[in-house]
Protein backbone atom coordinates (compact mmCIF):
# COMPACT_ATOMS: atom_id res chain seq x y z
CA MET A 1 35.11 23.72 90.95
CA PRO A 2 34.09 27.23 91.30
CA ASN A 3 34.23 29.77 88.62
CA PRO A 4 37.54 31.44 89.10
CA LEU A 5 36.06 35.18 89.08
CA ILE A 6 33.82 33.59 91.90
CA LYS A 7 37.00 32.44 93.54
CA THR A 8 38.88 35.73 92.74
CA LEU A 9 36.19 37.92 93.94
CA ILE A 10 35.74 36.20 97.42
CA GLN A 11 39.67 36.51 98.27
CA ASN A 12 39.24 40.80 97.16
CA ILE A 13 36.62 40.15 99.30
CA SER A 14 38.32 38.85 102.25
CA ASP A 15 41.43 41.34 101.77
CA LEU A 16 39.15 44.27 101.81
CA SER A 17 37.51 43.05 104.86
CA THR A 18 40.92 42.09 106.61
CA LYS A 19 42.31 45.91 105.61
CA LEU A 20 39.06 47.73 106.52
CA ASN A 21 39.44 45.93 109.97
CA THR A 22 42.51 46.67 110.42
CA LEU A 23 42.15 50.63 109.51
CA ILE A 24 39.18 50.80 111.98
CA ILE A 25 40.90 49.25 114.83
CA LYS A 26 43.91 50.76 114.58
CA GLU A 27 44.87 52.27 118.13
CA ASN A 28 45.35 55.54 119.09
CA LYS A 29 47.21 56.82 122.49
CA ILE A 30 44.32 59.27 123.01
CA GLU A 31 41.50 56.94 124.11
CA SER A 32 38.61 59.27 123.67
CA ILE A 33 39.84 59.75 120.01
CA TRP A 34 39.92 56.19 119.84
CA LEU A 35 36.48 55.48 120.98
CA GLU A 36 35.70 58.17 118.71
CA HIS A 37 37.04 56.22 116.13
CA LEU A 38 35.33 52.74 116.59
CA ASN A 39 31.84 54.18 117.04
CA LEU A 40 32.70 55.77 113.79
CA GLY A 41 33.98 52.28 112.03
CA LYS A 42 31.26 50.41 113.75
CA SER A 43 28.55 53.30 112.63
CA ILE A 44 29.81 52.83 109.00
CA LEU A 45 29.88 48.72 108.84
CA GLU A 46 26.09 48.85 110.38
CA TRP A 47 25.24 51.24 107.39
CA THR A 48 27.03 49.00 104.95
CA ILE A 49 25.44 45.82 105.54
CA ARG A 50 21.89 48.00 105.85
CA LYS A 51 22.48 49.11 102.44
CA TYR A 52 23.74 45.62 100.64
CA LYS A 53 20.75 44.19 102.09
CA LEU A 54 18.59 47.77 100.78
CA SER A 55 20.10 47.15 96.69
CA PHE A 56 18.10 43.94 97.03
CA SER A 57 14.99 45.44 98.12
CA GLY A 58 11.43 46.52 96.22
CA GLU A 59 10.66 49.77 95.37
CA PRO A 60 7.18 52.23 96.37
CA LYS A 61 4.65 51.39 93.75
CA VAL A 62 4.01 55.01 93.73
CA VAL A 63 6.13 57.41 94.29
CA LYS A 64 4.74 61.26 93.50
CA LYS A 65 6.00 65.57 94.13
CA ASN A 66 5.11 66.30 97.63
CA TYR A 67 4.62 62.91 99.24
CA ILE A 68 6.49 62.51 102.13
CA PHE A 69 8.38 58.86 102.45
CA TYR A 70 10.47 57.91 105.42
CA CYS A 71 13.77 57.52 103.44
CA GLU A 72 17.21 55.95 104.84
CA LEU A 73 19.98 58.18 104.30
CA GLY A 74 22.58 56.08 105.43
CA TYR A 75 25.57 56.98 107.26
CA ASN A 76 26.97 59.82 105.86
CA ILE A 77 29.99 62.56 106.07
CA GLY A 78 30.78 65.26 108.03
CA SER A 79 26.86 67.47 108.65
CA GLU A 80 25.03 65.55 105.76
CA GLN A 81 22.15 64.16 106.86
CA ASN A 82 21.87 60.69 108.48
CA GLY A 83 19.49 57.97 109.39
CA LYS A 84 16.05 57.03 108.86
CA ARG A 85 14.32 60.51 108.39
CA PRO A 86 11.13 61.46 106.52
CA VAL A 87 11.87 63.17 103.05
CA VAL A 88 10.01 65.15 100.73
CA ILE A 89 10.01 64.30 96.94
CA LEU A 90 10.97 67.19 94.86
CA GLN A 91 10.91 65.67 91.47
CA ASN A 92 8.39 66.13 88.92
CA ASP A 93 5.76 63.12 88.26
CA LYS A 94 6.96 62.67 84.67
CA GLY A 95 10.67 61.95 86.27
CA ASN A 96 9.03 59.92 89.21
CA SER A 97 7.55 57.34 86.56
CA SER A 98 10.34 56.84 84.64
CA SER A 99 13.14 56.27 86.68
CA ASN A 100 14.11 54.17 89.36
CA THR A 101 15.24 57.32 91.28
CA THR A 102 14.25 61.10 92.40
CA ILE A 103 14.68 64.02 94.06
CA ALA A 104 13.53 64.64 97.76
CA ALA A 105 15.26 66.66 100.53
CA PRO A 106 15.22 65.59 104.02
CA ILE A 107 12.67 66.81 106.94
CA THR A 108 14.45 67.91 110.49
CA THR A 109 11.80 66.92 112.71
CA HIS A 110 11.23 68.30 116.52
CA ARG A 111 9.28 67.37 119.20
CA GLY A 112 6.44 70.04 119.39
CA MET A 113 7.58 72.81 117.61
CA THR A 114 5.51 75.09 116.75
CA ILE A 115 6.29 79.30 114.74
CA VAL A 116 6.32 81.75 117.09
CA GLY A 117 7.01 84.33 115.16
CA LYS A 118 9.31 86.08 113.03
CA THR A 119 12.36 88.43 112.75
CA THR A 120 12.66 91.91 111.41
CA LYS A 121 13.88 90.56 108.56
CA GLY A 122 11.04 88.26 107.76
CA LYS A 123 12.74 84.74 108.81
CA THR A 124 10.43 82.23 110.71
CA ILE A 125 10.95 81.79 114.77
CA VAL A 126 10.08 78.06 115.88
CA GLU A 127 10.30 76.40 119.27
CA TYR A 128 10.60 72.96 120.56
CA ILE A 129 11.19 70.46 122.96
CA ASN A 130 14.65 69.30 123.41
CA ASP A 131 15.06 65.65 124.60
CA ASP A 132 15.92 66.33 128.14
CA GLY A 133 11.93 68.06 128.47
CA THR A 134 13.60 72.13 127.78
CA LYS A 135 12.32 74.73 125.49
CA SER A 136 14.97 75.70 122.61
CA ARG A 137 14.27 78.61 119.97
CA LYS A 138 15.50 78.33 116.18
CA VAL A 139 15.67 80.76 113.70
CA LEU A 140 14.97 79.55 110.30
CA ASP A 141 17.04 80.21 107.03
CA TYR A 142 15.95 80.61 103.87
CA TYR A 143 16.58 77.13 102.86
CA GLU A 144 14.60 75.89 106.01
CA ILE A 145 10.71 75.85 104.97
CA PRO A 146 8.41 74.54 108.02
CA VAL A 147 6.47 71.64 106.90
CA GLU A 148 1.86 71.75 106.53
CA ILE A 149 1.04 68.59 105.30
CA GLU A 150 -2.83 67.98 103.45
CA PRO A 151 -5.13 66.62 106.12
CA GLY A 152 -6.19 63.34 106.45
CA TYR A 153 -3.20 61.59 107.35
CA LYS A 154 -2.25 59.43 110.93
CA LYS A 155 1.11 60.50 111.03
CA GLU A 156 2.10 63.70 111.90
CA ILE A 157 5.34 64.95 110.63
CA ILE A 158 6.67 68.32 112.47
CA GLY A 159 9.57 69.72 111.51
CA TYR A 160 10.90 71.79 108.49
CA ILE A 161 12.12 70.91 104.91
CA ASN A 162 16.36 71.23 104.31
CA LEU A 163 16.54 72.68 100.95
CA ALA A 164 20.42 72.50 101.35
CA HIS A 165 20.53 69.32 101.46
CA VAL A 166 18.15 68.07 98.50
CA ARG A 167 19.71 64.66 97.09
CA THR A 168 19.34 62.39 94.21
CA ILE A 169 18.25 58.75 95.68
CA SER A 170 17.28 55.39 94.78
CA LYS A 171 13.72 54.47 95.40
CA LYS A 172 14.64 51.87 96.91
CA ARG A 173 15.60 53.86 99.90
CA LEU A 174 12.46 54.54 100.68
CA ASP A 175 10.05 52.86 102.90
CA LYS A 176 6.95 51.00 100.88
CA SER A 177 4.56 53.73 100.93
CA HIS A 178 4.13 57.47 101.80
CA VAL A 179 3.07 58.81 104.79
CA ALA A 180 1.92 62.51 104.26
CA ILE A 181 1.55 65.11 101.30
CA ILE A 182 2.59 68.90 101.62
CA THR A 183 0.35 71.25 101.16
CA LYS A 184 0.56 73.54 98.03
CA GLU A 185 1.38 76.56 100.59
CA THR A 186 4.56 74.32 101.32
CA ASN A 187 5.08 73.45 97.95
CA ASN A 188 5.19 77.12 96.84
CA LYS A 189 7.50 78.14 99.59
CA ILE A 190 10.18 75.43 98.36
CA ALA A 191 10.05 77.26 94.87
CA GLU A 192 10.98 80.56 96.46
CA GLY A 193 13.64 78.68 99.07
CA PHE A 194 15.25 77.29 95.86
CA LYS A 195 15.32 80.76 94.17
CA LYS A 196 17.64 82.16 96.81
CA LEU A 197 19.48 79.21 97.15
CA LEU A 198 20.40 78.91 93.71
CA SER A 199 20.61 82.37 92.57
CA PHE A 200 23.67 83.51 91.08
């Protein structure tokens, strides 16, 4: 005879699954909106399964400030950063060595991204290649820091660090080893960006 608590939890999970399924597949008279809702529900469910599995995974043996890891950020809300992408570790090494969480900022990557100049206000202008092969330009804001990495790493990380999306994460979200380390100059730019971002 199973533990009564186990039986209750199984029933709770079954009830929640039914409720979630009803909510996600609820019909909308406008087909395009219905498709959008179904795709959203599918993405959320896929991430929920992945997140459940991650909760049983291990952590990297070494996590240090300025290391770049690939990280499972998950499926989030609105303009929050999503998916598996590189992040740079911002937490100091005392915190990294004593906690199972760390503080990280996501890196937005672009194929063939290069710095092409500065605006009259000193902001960085970058150019990159879109998926269709066309080129686009973007003016980086003060909280968007171009990535420069130390030599000696096979993985090339081309993009910019988005300080506006800094978050505390479980180390279980990180891949088992880092792929690069940012330069001291990039670290200094991050510090300057934070001063502006958090100024009152």
